[in-house]
Amino acid sequence: DYGGAAESILPGFTGGEDTMATGDITVEVSREYDVANSLQLSHY
């Protein structure tokens, strides 16, 4: 089960920020793409 295939990640990739919560835990995440190394960086 893989959410990071290039065919999934790259079409329309814009990065952006999200906030998710469950109970008393909240997570803020922002994403960027390292083109030179083919990496998605998710900052939590």
ModelCIF file with pLDDT and N, C-alpha, C, O atoms, coordinates in Angstrom:
data_MODEL
#
_entry.id   MODEL 
#
_entity.id                         1 
_entity.type                       polymer 
_entity.pdbx_number_of_molecules   1 
#
_entity_poly.entity_id                      1 
_entity_poly.type                           'polypeptide(L)' 
_entity_poly.nstd_linkage                   no 
_entity_poly.nstd_monomer                   no 
_entity_poly.pdbx_seq_one_letter_code       DYGGAAESILPGFTGGEDTMATGDITVEVSREYDVANSLQLSHY 
_entity_poly.pdbx_seq_one_letter_code_can   DYGGAAESILPGFTGGEDTMATGDITVEVSREYDVANSLQLSHY 
_entity_poly.pdbx_strand_id                 A 
#
loop_
_entity_poly_seq.entity_id 
_entity_poly_seq.num 
_entity_poly_seq.mon_id 
_entity_poly_seq.hetero 
1 1  ASP n 
1 2  TYR n 
1 3  GLY n 
1 4  GLY n 
1 5  ALA n 
1 6  ALA n 
1 7  GLU n 
1 8  SER n 
1 9  ILE n 
1 10 LEU n 
1 11 PRO n 
1 12 GLY n 
1 13 PHE n 
1 14 THR n 
1 15 GLY n 
1 16 GLY n 
1 17 GLU n 
1 18 ASP n 
1 19 THR n 
1 20 MET n 
1 21 ALA n 
1 22 THR n 
1 23 GLY n 
1 24 ASP n 
1 25 ILE n 
1 26 THR n 
1 27 VAL n 
1 28 GLU n 
1 29 VAL n 
1 30 SER n 
1 31 ARG n 
1 32 GLU n 
1 33 TYR n 
1 34 ASP n 
1 35 VAL n 
1 36 ALA n 
1 37 ASN n 
1 38 SER n 
1 39 LEU n 
1 40 GLN n 
1 41 LEU n 
1 42 SER n 
1 43 HIS n 
1 44 TYR n 
#
_struct_asym.id          A 
_struct_asym.entity_id   1 
#
loop_
_ma_qa_metric.id 
_ma_qa_metric.mode 
_ma_qa_metric.name 
_ma_qa_metric.software_group_id 
_ma_qa_metric.type 
1 global pLDDT . pLDDT 
2 local  pLDDT . pLDDT 
#
_ma_qa_metric_global.metric_id      1 
_ma_qa_metric_global.metric_value   95.36 
_ma_qa_metric_global.model_id       1 
_ma_qa_metric_global.ordinal_id     1 
#
loop_
_ma_qa_metric_local.label_asym_id 
_ma_qa_metric_local.label_comp_id 
_ma_qa_metric_local.label_seq_id 
_ma_qa_metric_local.metric_id 
_ma_qa_metric_local.metric_value 
_ma_qa_metric_local.model_id 
_ma_qa_metric_local.ordinal_id 
A ASP 1  2 97.00 1 1  
A TYR 2  2 95.00 1 2  
A GLY 3  2 93.00 1 3  
A GLY 4  2 93.00 1 4  
A ALA 5  2 96.00 1 5  
A ALA 6  2 97.00 1 6  
A GLU 7  2 98.00 1 7  
A SER 8  2 96.00 1 8  
A ILE 9  2 95.00 1 9  
A LEU 10 2 96.00 1 10 
A PRO 11 2 96.00 1 11 
A GLY 12 2 89.00 1 12 
A PHE 13 2 93.00 1 13 
A THR 14 2 88.00 1 14 
A GLY 15 2 87.00 1 15 
A GLY 16 2 87.00 1 16 
A GLU 17 2 94.00 1 17 
A ASP 18 2 94.00 1 18 
A THR 19 2 97.00 1 19 
A MET 20 2 96.00 1 20 
A ALA 21 2 97.00 1 21 
A THR 22 2 96.00 1 22 
A GLY 23 2 96.00 1 23 
A ASP 24 2 97.00 1 24 
A ILE 25 2 98.00 1 25 
A THR 26 2 98.00 1 26 
A VAL 27 2 98.00 1 27 
A GLU 28 2 98.00 1 28 
A VAL 29 2 97.00 1 29 
A SER 30 2 97.00 1 30 
A ARG 31 2 96.00 1 31 
A GLU 32 2 96.00 1 32 
A TYR 33 2 96.00 1 33 
A ASP 34 2 96.00 1 34 
A VAL 35 2 96.00 1 35 
A ALA 36 2 96.00 1 36 
A ASN 37 2 96.00 1 37 
A SER 38 2 96.00 1 38 
A LEU 39 2 96.00 1 39 
A GLN 40 2 96.00 1 40 
A LEU 41 2 96.00 1 41 
A SER 42 2 96.00 1 42 
A HIS 43 2 97.00 1 43 
A TYR 44 2 98.00 1 44 
#
loop_
_atom_site.group_PDB 
_atom_site.id 
_atom_site.type_symbol 
_atom_site.label_atom_id 
_atom_site.label_alt_id 
_atom_site.label_comp_id 
_atom_site.label_asym_id 
_atom_site.label_entity_id 
_atom_site.label_seq_id 
_atom_site.pdbx_PDB_ins_code 
_atom_site.Cartn_x 
_atom_site.Cartn_y 
_atom_site.Cartn_z 
_atom_site.occupancy 
_atom_site.B_iso_or_equiv 
_atom_site.pdbx_formal_charge 
_atom_site.auth_seq_id 
_atom_site.auth_comp_id 
_atom_site.auth_asym_id 
_atom_site.auth_atom_id 
_atom_site.pdbx_PDB_model_num 
ATOM 1   N N  . ASP A 1 1  ? 0.868  -1.179 0.000   1.00 97.00 ? 1  ASP A N  1 
ATOM 2   C CA . ASP A 1 1  ? 0.000  0.000  0.000   1.00 97.00 ? 1  ASP A CA 1 
ATOM 3   C C  . ASP A 1 1  ? 0.907  1.231  0.000   1.00 97.00 ? 1  ASP A C  1 
ATOM 4   O O  . ASP A 1 1  ? 1.647  1.455  0.958   1.00 97.00 ? 1  ASP A O  1 
ATOM 5   N N  . TYR A 1 2  ? 0.852  2.023  -1.063  1.00 95.00 ? 2  TYR A N  1 
ATOM 6   C CA . TYR A 1 2  ? 1.847  3.083  -1.272  1.00 95.00 ? 2  TYR A CA 1 
ATOM 7   C C  . TYR A 1 2  ? 1.170  4.343  -1.801  1.00 95.00 ? 2  TYR A C  1 
ATOM 8   O O  . TYR A 1 2  ? 0.583  4.335  -2.883  1.00 95.00 ? 2  TYR A O  1 
ATOM 9   N N  . GLY A 1 3  ? 1.256  5.409  -1.041  1.00 93.00 ? 3  GLY A N  1 
ATOM 10  C CA . GLY A 1 3  ? 0.675  6.672  -1.474  1.00 93.00 ? 3  GLY A CA 1 
ATOM 11  C C  . GLY A 1 3  ? 1.663  7.608  -2.133  1.00 93.00 ? 3  GLY A C  1 
ATOM 12  O O  . GLY A 1 3  ? 1.312  8.727  -2.508  1.00 93.00 ? 3  GLY A O  1 
ATOM 13  N N  . GLY A 1 4  ? 2.917  7.150  -2.278  1.00 93.00 ? 4  GLY A N  1 
ATOM 14  C CA . GLY A 1 4  ? 3.961  8.039  -2.780  1.00 93.00 ? 4  GLY A CA 1 
ATOM 15  C C  . GLY A 1 4  ? 4.453  7.732  -4.174  1.00 93.00 ? 4  GLY A C  1 
ATOM 16  O O  . GLY A 1 4  ? 5.537  8.179  -4.548  1.00 93.00 ? 4  GLY A O  1 
ATOM 17  N N  . ALA A 1 5  ? 3.695  6.982  -4.957  1.00 96.00 ? 5  ALA A N  1 
ATOM 18  C CA . ALA A 1 5  ? 4.097  6.748  -6.344  1.00 96.00 ? 5  ALA A CA 1 
ATOM 19  C C  . ALA A 1 5  ? 4.103  8.075  -7.110  1.00 96.00 ? 5  ALA A C  1 
ATOM 20  O O  . ALA A 1 5  ? 3.286  8.957  -6.845  1.00 96.00 ? 5  ALA A O  1 
ATOM 21  N N  . ALA A 1 6  ? 5.018  8.203  -8.045  1.00 97.00 ? 6  ALA A N  1 
ATOM 22  C CA . ALA A 1 6  ? 5.119  9.445  -8.806  1.00 97.00 ? 6  ALA A CA 1 
ATOM 23  C C  . ALA A 1 6  ? 3.810  9.779  -9.513  1.00 97.00 ? 6  ALA A C  1 
ATOM 24  O O  . ALA A 1 6  ? 3.431  10.946 -9.614  1.00 97.00 ? 6  ALA A O  1 
ATOM 25  N N  . GLU A 1 7  ? 3.118  8.744  -10.003 1.00 98.00 ? 7  GLU A N  1 
ATOM 26  C CA . GLU A 1 7  ? 1.865  8.958  -10.725 1.00 98.00 ? 7  GLU A CA 1 
ATOM 27  C C  . GLU A 1 7  ? 0.760  9.474  -9.798  1.00 98.00 ? 7  GLU A C  1 
ATOM 28  O O  . GLU A 1 7  ? -0.234 10.030 -10.265 1.00 98.00 ? 7  GLU A O  1 
ATOM 29  N N  . SER A 1 8  ? 0.934  9.288  -8.484  1.00 96.00 ? 8  SER A N  1 
ATOM 30  C CA . SER A 1 8  ? -0.022 9.820  -7.511  1.00 96.00 ? 8  SER A CA 1 
ATOM 31  C C  . SER A 1 8  ? 0.365  11.212 -7.025  1.00 96.00 ? 8  SER A C  1 
ATOM 32  O O  . SER A 1 8  ? -0.483 12.092 -6.881  1.00 96.00 ? 8  SER A O  1 
ATOM 33  N N  . ILE A 1 9  ? 1.657  11.395 -6.776  1.00 95.00 ? 9  ILE A N  1 
ATOM 34  C CA . ILE A 1 9  ? 2.143  12.619 -6.143  1.00 95.00 ? 9  ILE A CA 1 
ATOM 35  C C  . ILE A 1 9  ? 2.224  13.796 -7.112  1.00 95.00 ? 9  ILE A C  1 
ATOM 36  O O  . ILE A 1 9  ? 1.796  14.902 -6.781  1.00 95.00 ? 9  ILE A O  1 
ATOM 37  N N  . LEU A 1 10 ? 2.761  13.568 -8.287  1.00 96.00 ? 10 LEU A N  1 
ATOM 38  C CA . LEU A 1 10 ? 3.183  14.684 -9.129  1.00 96.00 ? 10 LEU A CA 1 
ATOM 39  C C  . LEU A 1 10 ? 2.079  15.405 -9.898  1.00 96.00 ? 10 LEU A C  1 
ATOM 40  O O  . LEU A 1 10 ? 2.164  16.625 -10.039 1.00 96.00 ? 10 LEU A O  1 
ATOM 41  N N  . PRO A 1 11 ? 1.050  14.726 -10.404 1.00 96.00 ? 11 PRO A N  1 
ATOM 42  C CA . PRO A 1 11 ? 0.026  15.487 -11.144 1.00 96.00 ? 11 PRO A CA 1 
ATOM 43  C C  . PRO A 1 11 ? -0.629 16.555 -10.274 1.00 96.00 ? 11 PRO A C  1 
ATOM 44  O O  . PRO A 1 11 ? -1.317 16.243 -9.302  1.00 96.00 ? 11 PRO A O  1 
ATOM 45  N N  . GLY A 1 12 ? -0.409 17.800 -10.630 1.00 89.00 ? 12 GLY A N  1 
ATOM 46  C CA . GLY A 1 12 ? -1.024 18.904 -9.907  1.00 89.00 ? 12 GLY A CA 1 
ATOM 47  C C  . GLY A 1 12 ? -0.441 19.184 -8.540  1.00 89.00 ? 12 GLY A C  1 
ATOM 48  O O  . GLY A 1 12 ? -1.087 19.850 -7.731  1.00 89.00 ? 12 GLY A O  1 
ATOM 49  N N  . PHE A 1 13 ? 0.781  18.691 -8.244  1.00 93.00 ? 13 PHE A N  1 
ATOM 50  C CA . PHE A 1 13 ? 1.349  18.905 -6.918  1.00 93.00 ? 13 PHE A CA 1 
ATOM 51  C C  . PHE A 1 13 ? 1.572  20.397 -6.651  1.00 93.00 ? 13 PHE A C  1 
ATOM 52  O O  . PHE A 1 13 ? 2.194  21.099 -7.450  1.00 93.00 ? 13 PHE A O  1 
ATOM 53  N N  . THR A 1 14 ? 1.055  20.862 -5.519  1.00 88.00 ? 14 THR A N  1 
ATOM 54  C CA . THR A 1 14 ? 1.232  22.267 -5.145  1.00 88.00 ? 14 THR A CA 1 
ATOM 55  C C  . THR A 1 14 ? 1.741  22.430 -3.713  1.00 88.00 ? 14 THR A C  1 
ATOM 56  O O  . THR A 1 14 ? 1.905  23.554 -3.237  1.00 88.00 ? 14 THR A O  1 
ATOM 57  N N  . GLY A 1 15 ? 1.993  21.315 -3.026  1.00 87.00 ? 15 GLY A N  1 
ATOM 58  C CA . GLY A 1 15 ? 2.408  21.438 -1.629  1.00 87.00 ? 15 GLY A CA 1 
ATOM 59  C C  . GLY A 1 15 ? 1.224  21.814 -0.769  1.00 87.00 ? 15 GLY A C  1 
ATOM 60  O O  . GLY A 1 15 ? 0.194  21.139 -0.797  1.00 87.00 ? 15 GLY A O  1 
ATOM 61  N N  . GLY A 1 16 ? 1.358  22.880 -0.008  1.00 87.00 ? 16 GLY A N  1 
ATOM 62  C CA . GLY A 1 16 ? 0.251  23.363 0.801   1.00 87.00 ? 16 GLY A CA 1 
ATOM 63  C C  . GLY A 1 16 ? 0.324  22.897 2.241   1.00 87.00 ? 16 GLY A C  1 
ATOM 64  O O  . GLY A 1 16 ? 1.232  22.161 2.627   1.00 87.00 ? 16 GLY A O  1 
ATOM 65  N N  . GLU A 1 17 ? -0.648 23.337 3.033   1.00 94.00 ? 17 GLU A N  1 
ATOM 66  C CA . GLU A 1 17 ? -0.692 23.044 4.451   1.00 94.00 ? 17 GLU A CA 1 
ATOM 67  C C  . GLU A 1 17 ? -2.051 22.467 4.823   1.00 94.00 ? 17 GLU A C  1 
ATOM 68  O O  . GLU A 1 17 ? -3.071 22.835 4.240   1.00 94.00 ? 17 GLU A O  1 
ATOM 69  N N  . ASP A 1 18 ? -2.060 21.551 5.808   1.00 94.00 ? 18 ASP A N  1 
ATOM 70  C CA . ASP A 1 18 ? -3.288 20.951 6.310   1.00 94.00 ? 18 ASP A CA 1 
ATOM 71  C C  . ASP A 1 18 ? -3.231 20.888 7.821   1.00 94.00 ? 18 ASP A C  1 
ATOM 72  O O  . ASP A 1 18 ? -2.155 20.878 8.418   1.00 94.00 ? 18 ASP A O  1 
ATOM 73  N N  . THR A 1 19 ? -4.404 20.846 8.431   1.00 97.00 ? 19 THR A N  1 
ATOM 74  C CA . THR A 1 19 ? -4.513 20.613 9.867   1.00 97.00 ? 19 THR A CA 1 
ATOM 75  C C  . THR A 1 19 ? -5.515 19.485 10.088  1.00 97.00 ? 19 THR A C  1 
ATOM 76  O O  . THR A 1 19 ? -6.626 19.514 9.558   1.00 97.00 ? 19 THR A O  1 
ATOM 77  N N  . MET A 1 20 ? -5.109 18.493 10.877  1.00 96.00 ? 20 MET A N  1 
ATOM 78  C CA . MET A 1 20 ? -5.977 17.367 11.202  1.00 96.00 ? 20 MET A CA 1 
ATOM 79  C C  . MET A 1 20 ? -6.029 17.207 12.714  1.00 96.00 ? 20 MET A C  1 
ATOM 80  O O  . MET A 1 20 ? -5.090 17.574 13.419  1.00 96.00 ? 20 MET A O  1 
ATOM 81  N N  . ALA A 1 21 ? -7.136 16.654 13.207  1.00 97.00 ? 21 ALA A N  1 
ATOM 82  C CA . ALA A 1 21 ? -7.280 16.467 14.646  1.00 97.00 ? 21 ALA A CA 1 
ATOM 83  C C  . ALA A 1 21 ? -8.050 15.197 14.931  1.00 97.00 ? 21 ALA A C  1 
ATOM 84  O O  . ALA A 1 21 ? -8.947 14.818 14.178  1.00 97.00 ? 21 ALA A O  1 
ATOM 85  N N  . THR A 1 22 ? -7.698 14.547 16.013  1.00 96.00 ? 22 THR A N  1 
ATOM 86  C CA . THR A 1 22 ? -8.452 13.417 16.534  1.00 96.00 ? 22 THR A CA 1 
ATOM 87  C C  . THR A 1 22 ? -8.373 13.472 18.049  1.00 96.00 ? 22 THR A C  1 
ATOM 88  O O  . THR A 1 22 ? -7.295 13.355 18.632  1.00 96.00 ? 22 THR A O  1 
ATOM 89  N N  . GLY A 1 23 ? -9.536 13.654 18.685  1.00 96.00 ? 23 GLY A N  1 
ATOM 90  C CA . GLY A 1 23 ? -9.548 13.838 20.127  1.00 96.00 ? 23 GLY A CA 1 
ATOM 91  C C  . GLY A 1 23 ? -8.758 15.069 20.513  1.00 96.00 ? 23 GLY A C  1 
ATOM 92  O O  . GLY A 1 23 ? -8.970 16.148 19.960  1.00 96.00 ? 23 GLY A O  1 
ATOM 93  N N  . ASP A 1 24 ? -7.840 14.913 21.468  1.00 97.00 ? 24 ASP A N  1 
ATOM 94  C CA . ASP A 1 24 ? -7.058 16.056 21.938  1.00 97.00 ? 24 ASP A CA 1 
ATOM 95  C C  . ASP A 1 24 ? -5.721 16.194 21.214  1.00 97.00 ? 24 ASP A C  1 
ATOM 96  O O  . ASP A 1 24 ? -4.870 16.974 21.641  1.00 97.00 ? 24 ASP A O  1 
ATOM 97  N N  . ILE A 1 25 ? -5.523 15.452 20.129  1.00 98.00 ? 25 ILE A N  1 
ATOM 98  C CA . ILE A 1 25 ? -4.282 15.552 19.363  1.00 98.00 ? 25 ILE A CA 1 
ATOM 99  C C  . ILE A 1 25 ? -4.547 16.264 18.044  1.00 98.00 ? 25 ILE A C  1 
ATOM 100 O O  . ILE A 1 25 ? -5.467 15.910 17.305  1.00 98.00 ? 25 ILE A O  1 
ATOM 101 N N  . THR A 1 26 ? -3.731 17.267 17.761  1.00 98.00 ? 26 THR A N  1 
ATOM 102 C CA . THR A 1 26 ? -3.813 18.019 16.506  1.00 98.00 ? 26 THR A CA 1 
ATOM 103 C C  . THR A 1 26 ? -2.476 17.913 15.785  1.00 98.00 ? 26 THR A C  1 
ATOM 104 O O  . THR A 1 26 ? -1.419 17.940 16.416  1.00 98.00 ? 26 THR A O  1 
ATOM 105 N N  . VAL A 1 27 ? -2.525 17.791 14.458  1.00 98.00 ? 27 VAL A N  1 
ATOM 106 C CA . VAL A 1 27 ? -1.297 17.787 13.683  1.00 98.00 ? 27 VAL A CA 1 
ATOM 107 C C  . VAL A 1 27 ? -1.428 18.801 12.552  1.00 98.00 ? 27 VAL A C  1 
ATOM 108 O O  . VAL A 1 27 ? -2.422 18.829 11.826  1.00 98.00 ? 27 VAL A O  1 
ATOM 109 N N  . GLU A 1 28 ? -0.401 19.628 12.425  1.00 98.00 ? 28 GLU A N  1 
ATOM 110 C CA . GLU A 1 28 ? -0.282 20.564 11.315  1.00 98.00 ? 28 GLU A CA 1 
ATOM 111 C C  . GLU A 1 28 ? 0.800  20.023 10.381  1.00 98.00 ? 28 GLU A C  1 
ATOM 112 O O  . GLU A 1 28 ? 1.881  19.648 10.833  1.00 98.00 ? 28 GLU A O  1 
ATOM 113 N N  . VAL A 1 29 ? 0.511  19.984 9.089   1.00 97.00 ? 29 VAL A N  1 
ATOM 114 C CA . VAL A 1 29 ? 1.473  19.429 8.144   1.00 97.00 ? 29 VAL A CA 1 
ATOM 115 C C  . VAL A 1 29 ? 1.600  20.342 6.931   1.00 97.00 ? 29 VAL A C  1 
ATOM 116 O O  . VAL A 1 29 ? 0.604  20.847 6.413   1.00 97.00 ? 29 VAL A O  1 
ATOM 117 N N  . SER A 1 30 ? 2.828  20.547 6.488   1.00 97.00 ? 30 SER A N  1 
ATOM 118 C CA . SER A 1 30 ? 3.090  21.260 5.239   1.00 97.00 ? 30 SER A CA 1 
ATOM 119 C C  . SER A 1 30 ? 3.994  20.382 4.384   1.00 97.00 ? 30 SER A C  1 
ATOM 120 O O  . SER A 1 30 ? 4.824  19.635 4.903   1.00 97.00 ? 30 SER A O  1 
ATOM 121 N N  . ARG A 1 31 ? 3.822  20.482 3.057   1.00 96.00 ? 31 ARG A N  1 
ATOM 122 C CA . ARG A 1 31 ? 4.533  19.591 2.148   1.00 96.00 ? 31 ARG A CA 1 
ATOM 123 C C  . ARG A 1 31 ? 5.293  20.381 1.091   1.00 96.00 ? 31 ARG A C  1 
ATOM 124 O O  . ARG A 1 31 ? 4.849  21.435 0.638   1.00 96.00 ? 31 ARG A O  1 
ATOM 125 N N  . GLU A 1 32 ? 6.435  19.852 0.713   1.00 96.00 ? 32 GLU A N  1 
ATOM 126 C CA . GLU A 1 32 ? 7.210  20.414 -0.387  1.00 96.00 ? 32 GLU A CA 1 
ATOM 127 C C  . GLU A 1 32 ? 7.838  19.270 -1.175  1.00 96.00 ? 32 GLU A C  1 
ATOM 128 O O  . GLU A 1 32 ? 7.949  18.146 -0.686  1.00 96.00 ? 32 GLU A O  1 
ATOM 129 N N  . TYR A 1 33 ? 8.248  19.579 -2.407  1.00 96.00 ? 33 TYR A N  1 
ATOM 130 C CA . TYR A 1 33 ? 8.817  18.550 -3.267  1.00 96.00 ? 33 TYR A CA 1 
ATOM 131 C C  . TYR A 1 33 ? 10.234 18.918 -3.660  1.00 96.00 ? 33 TYR A C  1 
ATOM 132 O O  . TYR A 1 33 ? 10.482 19.997 -4.198  1.00 96.00 ? 33 TYR A O  1 
ATOM 133 N N  . ASP A 1 34 ? 11.165 18.007 -3.386  1.00 96.00 ? 34 ASP A N  1 
ATOM 134 C CA . ASP A 1 34 ? 12.572 18.168 -3.740  1.00 96.00 ? 34 ASP A CA 1 
ATOM 135 C C  . ASP A 1 34 ? 12.776 17.553 -5.126  1.00 96.00 ? 34 ASP A C  1 
ATOM 136 O O  . ASP A 1 34 ? 12.917 16.337 -5.262  1.00 96.00 ? 34 ASP A O  1 
ATOM 137 N N  . VAL A 1 35 ? 12.791 18.406 -6.148  1.00 96.00 ? 35 VAL A N  1 
ATOM 138 C CA . VAL A 1 35 ? 12.852 17.936 -7.533  1.00 96.00 ? 35 VAL A CA 1 
ATOM 139 C C  . VAL A 1 35 ? 14.159 17.208 -7.818  1.00 96.00 ? 35 VAL A C  1 
ATOM 140 O O  . VAL A 1 35 ? 14.156 16.174 -8.486  1.00 96.00 ? 35 VAL A O  1 
ATOM 141 N N  . ALA A 1 36 ? 15.264 17.729 -7.325  1.00 96.00 ? 36 ALA A N  1 
ATOM 142 C CA . ALA A 1 36 ? 16.570 17.153 -7.650  1.00 96.00 ? 36 ALA A CA 1 
ATOM 143 C C  . ALA A 1 36 ? 16.729 15.734 -7.127  1.00 96.00 ? 36 ALA A C  1 
ATOM 144 O O  . ALA A 1 36 ? 17.459 14.932 -7.710  1.00 96.00 ? 36 ALA A O  1 
ATOM 145 N N  . ASN A 1 37 ? 16.050 15.420 -6.030  1.00 96.00 ? 37 ASN A N  1 
ATOM 146 C CA . ASN A 1 37 ? 16.213 14.105 -5.404  1.00 96.00 ? 37 ASN A CA 1 
ATOM 147 C C  . ASN A 1 37 ? 14.944 13.252 -5.425  1.00 96.00 ? 37 ASN A C  1 
ATOM 148 O O  . ASN A 1 37 ? 14.931 12.154 -4.868  1.00 96.00 ? 37 ASN A O  1 
ATOM 149 N N  . SER A 1 38 ? 13.880 13.745 -6.062  1.00 96.00 ? 38 SER A N  1 
ATOM 150 C CA . SER A 1 38 ? 12.600 13.023 -6.141  1.00 96.00 ? 38 SER A CA 1 
ATOM 151 C C  . SER A 1 38 ? 12.113 12.619 -4.755  1.00 96.00 ? 38 SER A C  1 
ATOM 152 O O  . SER A 1 38 ? 11.867 11.446 -4.473  1.00 96.00 ? 38 SER A O  1 
ATOM 153 N N  . LEU A 1 39 ? 11.982 13.630 -3.903  1.00 96.00 ? 39 LEU A N  1 
ATOM 154 C CA . LEU A 1 39 ? 11.545 13.418 -2.528  1.00 96.00 ? 39 LEU A CA 1 
ATOM 155 C C  . LEU A 1 39 ? 10.364 14.310 -2.199  1.00 96.00 ? 39 LEU A C  1 
ATOM 156 O O  . LEU A 1 39 ? 10.343 15.480 -2.583  1.00 96.00 ? 39 LEU A O  1 
ATOM 157 N N  . GLN A 1 40 ? 9.386  13.772 -1.495  1.00 96.00 ? 40 GLN A N  1 
ATOM 158 C CA . GLN A 1 40 ? 8.357  14.606 -0.887  1.00 96.00 ? 40 GLN A CA 1 
ATOM 159 C C  . GLN A 1 40 ? 8.688  14.757 0.591   1.00 96.00 ? 40 GLN A C  1 
ATOM 160 O O  . GLN A 1 40 ? 8.851  13.764 1.300   1.00 96.00 ? 40 GLN A O  1 
ATOM 161 N N  . LEU A 1 41 ? 8.787  15.989 1.051   1.00 96.00 ? 41 LEU A N  1 
ATOM 162 C CA . LEU A 1 41 ? 9.072  16.284 2.450   1.00 96.00 ? 41 LEU A CA 1 
ATOM 163 C C  . LEU A 1 41 ? 7.791  16.764 3.115   1.00 96.00 ? 41 LEU A C  1 
ATOM 164 O O  . LEU A 1 41 ? 7.191  17.753 2.694   1.00 96.00 ? 41 LEU A O  1 
ATOM 165 N N  . SER A 1 42 ? 7.381  16.056 4.151   1.00 96.00 ? 42 SER A N  1 
ATOM 166 C CA . SER A 1 42 ? 6.187  16.419 4.915   1.00 96.00 ? 42 SER A CA 1 
ATOM 167 C C  . SER A 1 42 ? 6.625  16.852 6.301   1.00 96.00 ? 42 SER A C  1 
ATOM 168 O O  . SER A 1 42 ? 7.175  16.059 7.066   1.00 96.00 ? 42 SER A O  1 
ATOM 169 N N  . HIS A 1 43 ? 6.379  18.115 6.620   1.00 97.00 ? 43 HIS A N  1 
ATOM 170 C CA . HIS A 1 43 ? 6.797  18.687 7.906   1.00 97.00 ? 43 HIS A CA 1 
ATOM 171 C C  . HIS A 1 43 ? 5.609  18.650 8.869   1.00 97.00 ? 43 HIS A C  1 
ATOM 172 O O  . HIS A 1 43 ? 4.586  19.286 8.616   1.00 97.00 ? 43 HIS A O  1 
ATOM 173 N N  . TYR A 1 44 ? 5.741  17.907 9.973   1.00 98.00 ? 44 TYR A N  1 
ATOM 174 C CA . TYR A 1 44 ? 4.649  17.700 10.918  1.00 98.00 ? 44 TYR A CA 1 
ATOM 175 C C  . TYR A 1 44 ? 4.906  18.431 12.233  1.00 98.00 ? 44 TYR A C  1 
ATOM 176 O O  . TYR A 1 44 ? 4.084  18.365 13.147  1.00 98.00 ? 44 TYR A O  1 
#
